[in-house]
PDB file of N, CA and C in Angstrom:
ATOM      1  N   UNK A   1     -15.602 -25.105  17.592  1.00  0.00           N
ATOM      2  CA  UNK A   1     -16.024 -24.321  18.731  1.00  0.00           C
ATOM      3  C   UNK A   1     -16.130 -22.848  18.373  1.00  0.00           C
ATOM      4  N   UNK A   2     -15.195 -22.382  17.536  1.00  0.00           N
ATOM      5  CA  UNK A   2     -15.220 -20.977  17.141  1.00  0.00           C
ATOM      6  C   UNK A   2     -16.452 -20.672  16.295  1.00  0.00           C
ATOM      7  N   UNK A   3     -16.876 -21.632  15.469  1.00  0.00           N
ATOM      8  CA  UNK A   3     -18.065 -21.419  14.650  1.00  0.00           C
ATOM      9  C   UNK A   3     -19.300 -21.207  15.516  1.00  0.00           C
ATOM     10  N   UNK A   4     -19.414 -21.952  16.608  1.00  0.00           N
ATOM     11  CA  UNK A   4     -20.558 -21.783  17.498  1.00  0.00           C
ATOM     12  C   UNK A   4     -20.531 -20.430  18.193  1.00  0.00           C
ATOM     13  N   UNK A   5     -19.355 -19.983  18.578  1.00  0.00           N
ATOM     14  CA  UNK A   5     -19.231 -18.668  19.217  1.00  0.00           C
ATOM     15  C   UNK A   5     -19.600 -17.557  18.240  1.00  0.00           C
ATOM     16  N   UNK A   6     -19.148 -17.690  16.988  1.00  0.00           N
ATOM     17  CA  UNK A   6     -19.493 -16.697  15.968  1.00  0.00           C
ATOM     18  C   UNK A   6     -20.992 -16.696  15.702  1.00  0.00           C
ATOM     19  N   UNK A   7     -21.589 -17.869  15.634  1.00  0.00           N
ATOM     20  CA  UNK A   7     -23.025 -17.964  15.395  1.00  0.00           C
ATOM     21  C   UNK A   7     -23.813 -17.329  16.534  1.00  0.00           C
ATOM     22  N   UNK A   8     -23.413 -17.595  17.772  1.00  0.00           N
ATOM     23  CA  UNK A   8     -24.099 -17.002  18.923  1.00  0.00           C
ATOM     24  C   UNK A   8     -23.973 -15.481  18.900  1.00  0.00           C
ATOM     25  N   UNK A   9     -22.798 -14.981  18.574  1.00  0.00           N
ATOM     26  CA  UNK A   9     -22.600 -13.537  18.495  1.00  0.00           C
ATOM     27  C   UNK A   9     -23.505 -12.914  17.442  1.00  0.00           C
ATOM     28  N   UNK A  10     -23.577 -13.526  16.273  1.00  0.00           N
ATOM     29  CA  UNK A  10     -24.397 -12.982  15.185  1.00  0.00           C
ATOM     30  C   UNK A  10     -25.877 -13.022  15.555  1.00  0.00           C
ATOM     31  N   UNK A  11     -26.331 -14.100  16.170  1.00  0.00           N
ATOM     32  CA  UNK A  11     -27.744 -14.204  16.550  1.00  0.00           C
ATOM     33  C   UNK A  11     -28.104 -13.131  17.578  1.00  0.00           C
ATOM     34  N   UNK A  12     -27.254 -12.951  18.575  1.00  0.00           N
ATOM     35  CA  UNK A  12     -27.526 -11.927  19.593  1.00  0.00           C
ATOM     36  C   UNK A  12     -27.484 -10.533  18.971  1.00  0.00           C
ATOM     37  N   UNK A  13     -26.533 -10.304  18.089  1.00  0.00           N
ATOM     38  CA  UNK A  13     -26.434  -9.007  17.413  1.00  0.00           C
ATOM     39  C   UNK A  13     -27.679  -8.724  16.575  1.00  0.00           C
ATOM     40  N   UNK A  14     -28.114  -9.718  15.799  1.00  0.00           N
ATOM     41  CA  UNK A  14     -29.298  -9.524  14.962  1.00  0.00           C
ATOM     42  C   UNK A  14     -30.561  -9.337  15.803  1.00  0.00           C
ATOM     43  N   UNK A  15     -30.636 -10.018  16.928  1.00  0.00           N
ATOM     44  CA  UNK A  15     -31.793  -9.829  17.818  1.00  0.00           C
ATOM     45  C   UNK A  15     -31.810  -8.405  18.365  1.00  0.00           C
ATOM     46  N   UNK A  16     -30.652  -7.879  18.708  1.00  0.00           N
ATOM     47  CA  UNK A  16     -30.578  -6.500  19.190  1.00  0.00           C
ATOM     48  C   UNK A  16     -30.953  -5.501  18.121  1.00  0.00           C
ATOM     49  N   UNK A  17     -30.499  -5.722  16.905  1.00  0.00           N
ATOM     50  CA  UNK A  17     -30.855  -4.825  15.804  1.00  0.00           C
ATOM     51  C   UNK A  17     -32.346  -4.929  15.507  1.00  0.00           C
ATOM     52  N   UNK A  18     -32.906  -6.134  15.596  1.00  0.00           N
ATOM     53  CA  UNK A  18     -34.334  -6.328  15.317  1.00  0.00           C
ATOM     54  C   UNK A  18     -35.204  -5.609  16.342  1.00  0.00           C
ATOM     55  N   UNK A  19     -34.713  -5.448  17.559  1.00  0.00           N
ATOM     56  CA  UNK A  19     -35.474  -4.698  18.560  1.00  0.00           C
ATOM     57  C   UNK A  19     -35.579  -3.222  18.184  1.00  0.00           C
ATOM     58  N   UNK A  20     -34.559  -2.707  17.506  1.00  0.00           N
ATOM     59  CA  UNK A  20     -34.557  -1.298  17.124  1.00  0.00           C
ATOM     60  C   UNK A  20     -35.297  -1.092  15.804  1.00  0.00           C
ATOM     61  N   UNK A  21     -34.945  -1.898  14.785  1.00  0.00           N
ATOM     62  CA  UNK A  21     -35.541  -1.725  13.454  1.00  0.00           C
ATOM     63  C   UNK A  21     -35.475  -3.058  12.709  1.00  0.00           C
ATOM     64  N   UNK A  22     -36.585  -3.788  12.636  1.00  0.00           N
ATOM     65  CA  UNK A  22     -36.586  -5.130  12.014  1.00  0.00           C
ATOM     66  C   UNK A  22     -36.084  -5.186  10.568  1.00  0.00           C
ATOM     67  N   UNK A  23     -36.429  -4.219   9.692  1.00  0.00           N
ATOM     68  CA  UNK A  23     -35.886  -4.316   8.324  1.00  0.00           C
ATOM     69  C   UNK A  23     -34.357  -4.274   8.276  1.00  0.00           C
ATOM     70  N   UNK A  24     -33.755  -3.522   9.172  1.00  0.00           N
ATOM     71  CA  UNK A  24     -32.290  -3.471   9.199  1.00  0.00           C
ATOM     72  C   UNK A  24     -31.719  -4.824   9.596  1.00  0.00           C
ATOM     73  N   UNK A  25     -32.394  -5.531  10.500  1.00  0.00           N
ATOM     74  CA  UNK A  25     -31.928  -6.862  10.906  1.00  0.00           C
ATOM     75  C   UNK A  25     -31.972  -7.821   9.721  1.00  0.00           C
ATOM     76  N   UNK A  26     -32.987  -7.707   8.884  1.00  0.00           N
ATOM     77  CA  UNK A  26     -33.064  -8.575   7.706  1.00  0.00           C
ATOM     78  C   UNK A  26     -31.943  -8.268   6.716  1.00  0.00           C
ATOM     79  N   UNK A  27     -31.659  -6.984   6.511  1.00  0.00           N
ATOM     80  CA  UNK A  27     -30.592  -6.604   5.581  1.00  0.00           C
ATOM     81  C   UNK A  27     -29.228  -7.042   6.103  1.00  0.00           C
ATOM     82  N   UNK A  28     -28.964  -6.778   7.371  1.00  0.00           N
ATOM     83  CA  UNK A  28     -27.680  -7.165   7.953  1.00  0.00           C
ATOM     84  C   UNK A  28     -27.548  -8.686   7.982  1.00  0.00           C
ATOM     85  N   UNK A  29     -28.636  -9.383   8.273  1.00  0.00           N
ATOM     86  CA  UNK A  29     -28.604 -10.839   8.271  1.00  0.00           C
ATOM     87  C   UNK A  29     -28.281 -11.407   6.904  1.00  0.00           C
ATOM     88  N   UNK A  30     -28.814 -10.794   5.861  1.00  0.00           N
ATOM     89  CA  UNK A  30     -28.505 -11.233   4.502  1.00  0.00           C
ATOM     90  C   UNK A  30     -27.039 -11.040   4.152  1.00  0.00           C
ATOM     91  N   UNK A  31     -26.508  -9.882   4.513  1.00  0.00           N
ATOM     92  CA  UNK A  31     -25.091  -9.605   4.231  1.00  0.00           C
ATOM     93  C   UNK A  31     -24.200 -10.561   5.011  1.00  0.00           C
ATOM     94  N   UNK A  32     -24.518 -10.765   6.285  1.00  0.00           N
ATOM     95  CA  UNK A  32     -23.704 -11.685   7.092  1.00  0.00           C
ATOM     96  C   UNK A  32     -23.816 -13.124   6.602  1.00  0.00           C
ATOM     97  N   UNK A  33     -24.970 -13.489   6.048  1.00  0.00           N
ATOM     98  CA  UNK A  33     -25.125 -14.825   5.479  1.00  0.00           C
ATOM     99  C   UNK A  33     -24.232 -15.032   4.265  1.00  0.00           C
ATOM    100  N   UNK A  34     -24.144 -14.016   3.422  1.00  0.00           N
ATOM    101  CA  UNK A  34     -23.273 -14.099   2.249  1.00  0.00           C
ATOM    102  C   UNK A  34     -21.814 -14.185   2.685  1.00  0.00           C
ATOM    103  N   UNK A  35     -21.439 -13.387   3.674  1.00  0.00           N
ATOM    104  CA  UNK A  35     -20.063 -13.421   4.170  1.00  0.00           C
ATOM    105  C   UNK A  35     -19.732 -14.795   4.754  1.00  0.00           C
ATOM    106  N   UNK A  36     -20.682 -15.374   5.483  1.00  0.00           N
ATOM    107  CA  UNK A  36     -20.448 -16.697   6.071  1.00  0.00           C
ATOM    108  C   UNK A  36     -20.277 -17.755   4.992  1.00  0.00           C
ATOM    109  N   UNK A  37     -21.091 -17.685   3.941  1.00  0.00           N
ATOM    110  CA  UNK A  37     -20.964 -18.659   2.843  1.00  0.00           C
ATOM    111  C   UNK A  37     -19.629 -18.502   2.117  1.00  0.00           C
ATOM    112  N   UNK A  38     -19.193 -17.272   1.906  1.00  0.00           N
ATOM    113  CA  UNK A  38     -17.903 -17.047   1.245  1.00  0.00           C
ATOM    114  C   UNK A  38     -16.749 -17.545   2.106  1.00  0.00           C
ATOM    115  N   UNK A  39     -16.816 -17.317   3.409  1.00  0.00           N
ATOM    116  CA  UNK A  39     -15.760 -17.801   4.297  1.00  0.00           C
ATOM    117  C   UNK A  39     -15.703 -19.314   4.296  1.00  0.00           C
ATOM    118  N   UNK A  40     -16.863 -19.952   4.319  1.00  0.00           N
ATOM    119  CA  UNK A  40     -16.908 -21.414   4.360  1.00  0.00           C
ATOM    120  C   UNK A  40     -16.387 -21.998   3.046  1.00  0.00           C
ATOM    121  N   UNK A  41     -16.743 -21.392   1.910  1.00  0.00           N
ATOM    122  CA  UNK A  41     -16.296 -21.935   0.625  1.00  0.00           C
ATOM    123  C   UNK A  41     -14.812 -21.678   0.400  1.00  0.00           C
ATOM    124  N   UNK A  42     -14.280 -20.577   0.926  1.00  0.00           N
ATOM    125  CA  UNK A  42     -12.851 -20.317   0.738  1.00  0.00           C
ATOM    126  C   UNK A  42     -12.005 -21.247   1.600  1.00  0.00           C
ATOM    127  N   UNK A  43     -12.554 -21.731   2.702  1.00  0.00           N
ATOM    128  CA  UNK A  43     -11.805 -22.655   3.557  1.00  0.00           C
ATOM    129  C   UNK A  43     -11.652 -24.020   2.894  1.00  0.00           C
ATOM    130  N   UNK A  44     -12.505 -24.358   1.964  1.00  0.00           N
ATOM    131  CA  UNK A  44     -12.450 -25.663   1.293  1.00  0.00           C
ATOM    132  C   UNK A  44     -11.418 -25.713   0.170  1.00  0.00           C
ATOM    133  N   UNK A  45     -11.022 -24.567  -0.345  1.00  0.00           N
ATOM    134  CA  UNK A  45     -10.075 -24.553  -1.454  1.00  0.00           C
ATOM    135  C   UNK A  45      -8.709 -25.032  -0.988  1.00  0.00           C
ATOM    136  N   UNK A  46      -8.054 -25.779  -1.837  1.00  0.00           N
ATOM    137  CA  UNK A  46      -6.739 -26.315  -1.493  1.00  0.00           C
ATOM    138  C   UNK A  46      -5.697 -25.208  -1.579  1.00  0.00           C
ATOM    139  N   UNK A  47      -4.846 -25.158  -0.601  1.00  0.00           N
ATOM    140  CA  UNK A  47      -3.766 -24.178  -0.581  1.00  0.00           C
ATOM    141  C   UNK A  47      -2.476 -24.911  -0.902  1.00  0.00           C
ATOM    142  N   UNK A  48      -1.770 -24.440  -1.915  1.00  0.00           N
ATOM    143  CA  UNK A  48      -0.510 -25.052  -2.334  1.00  0.00           C
ATOM    144  C   UNK A  48       0.629 -24.202  -1.784  1.00  0.00           C
ATOM    145  N   UNK A  49       1.568 -24.809  -1.060  1.00  0.00           N
ATOM    146  CA  UNK A  49       2.713 -24.034  -0.564  1.00  0.00           C
ATOM    147  C   UNK A  49       3.493 -23.413  -1.702  1.00  0.00           C
ATOM    148  N   UNK A  50       4.173 -22.318  -1.437  1.00  0.00           N
ATOM    149  CA  UNK A  50       4.861 -21.571  -2.494  1.00  0.00           C
ATOM    150  C   UNK A  50       5.892 -22.400  -3.254  1.00  0.00           C
ATOM    151  N   UNK A  51       6.681 -23.155  -2.561  1.00  0.00           N
ATOM    152  CA  UNK A  51       7.752 -23.899  -3.218  1.00  0.00           C
ATOM    153  C   UNK A  51       7.263 -25.064  -4.053  1.00  0.00           C
ATOM    154  N   UNK A  52       6.042 -25.541  -3.818  1.00  0.00           N
ATOM    155  CA  UNK A  52       5.556 -26.730  -4.507  1.00  0.00           C
ATOM    156  C   UNK A  52       4.637 -26.426  -5.686  1.00  0.00           C
ATOM    157  N   UNK A  53       4.443 -25.180  -5.995  1.00  0.00           N
ATOM    158  CA  UNK A  53       3.562 -24.820  -7.104  1.00  0.00           C
ATOM    159  C   UNK A  53       4.242 -25.163  -8.432  1.00  0.00           C
ATOM    160  N   UNK A  54       3.457 -25.631  -9.379  1.00  0.00           N
ATOM    161  CA  UNK A  54       4.001 -25.979 -10.688  1.00  0.00           C
ATOM    162  C   UNK A  54       4.110 -24.721 -11.539  1.00  0.00           C
ATOM    163  N   UNK A  55       5.161 -24.684 -12.331  1.00  0.00           N
ATOM    164  CA  UNK A  55       5.342 -23.568 -13.246  1.00  0.00           C
ATOM    165  C   UNK A  55       4.314 -23.673 -14.363  1.00  0.00           C
ATOM    166  N   UNK A  56       3.829 -22.553 -14.869  1.00  0.00           N
ATOM    167  CA  UNK A  56       2.859 -22.623 -15.958  1.00  0.00           C
ATOM    168  C   UNK A  56       3.489 -23.194 -17.224  1.00  0.00           C
ATOM    169  N   UNK A  57       2.727 -23.977 -17.947  1.00  0.00           N
ATOM    170  CA  UNK A  57       3.233 -24.589 -19.178  1.00  0.00           C
ATOM    171  C   UNK A  57       3.258 -23.558 -20.295  1.00  0.00           C
ATOM    172  N   UNK A  58       4.248 -23.694 -21.139  1.00  0.00           N
ATOM    173  CA  UNK A  58       4.317 -22.815 -22.303  1.00  0.00           C
ATOM    174  C   UNK A  58       3.643 -23.509 -23.474  1.00  0.00           C
ATOM    175  N   UNK A  59       2.886 -22.761 -24.216  1.00  0.00           N
ATOM    176  CA  UNK A  59       2.200 -23.308 -25.376  1.00  0.00           C
ATOM    177  C   UNK A  59       3.136 -23.350 -26.576  1.00  0.00           C
ATOM    178  N   UNK A  60       3.016 -24.438 -27.357  1.00  0.00           N
ATOM    179  CA  UNK A  60       3.818 -24.519 -28.575  1.00  0.00           C
ATOM    180  C   UNK A  60       3.137 -23.725 -29.662  1.00  0.00           C
ATOM    181  N   UNK A  61       3.957 -23.093 -30.468  1.00  0.00           N
ATOM    182  CA  UNK A  61       3.431 -22.345 -31.586  1.00  0.00           C
ATOM    183  C   UNK A  61       3.267 -23.257 -32.782  1.00  0.00           C
ATOM    184  N   UNK A  62       2.103 -23.226 -33.349  1.00  0.00           N
ATOM    185  CA  UNK A  62       1.848 -24.036 -34.553  1.00  0.00           C
ATOM    186  C   UNK A  62       1.791 -23.075 -35.725  1.00  0.00           C
ATOM    187  N   UNK A  63       2.614 -23.348 -36.748  1.00  0.00           N
ATOM    188  CA  UNK A  63       2.708 -22.439 -37.882  1.00  0.00           C
ATOM    189  C   UNK A  63       1.506 -22.435 -38.692  1.00  0.00           C
TER     190      UNK A  63
END
């Protein structure tokens, strides 16, 4: 539901900017598109709780 509200807000905002200066609406739309893609991709990454993280392995030295 929040995604739809955010989308409606962005569409109305871009329409308002396009009424004033269309090239600015294209630039702002591009930036907001990149931000939306980054937010969506970061939500897919697995989050590991602090206590359950594995300690990094130590490499053996080979003479």
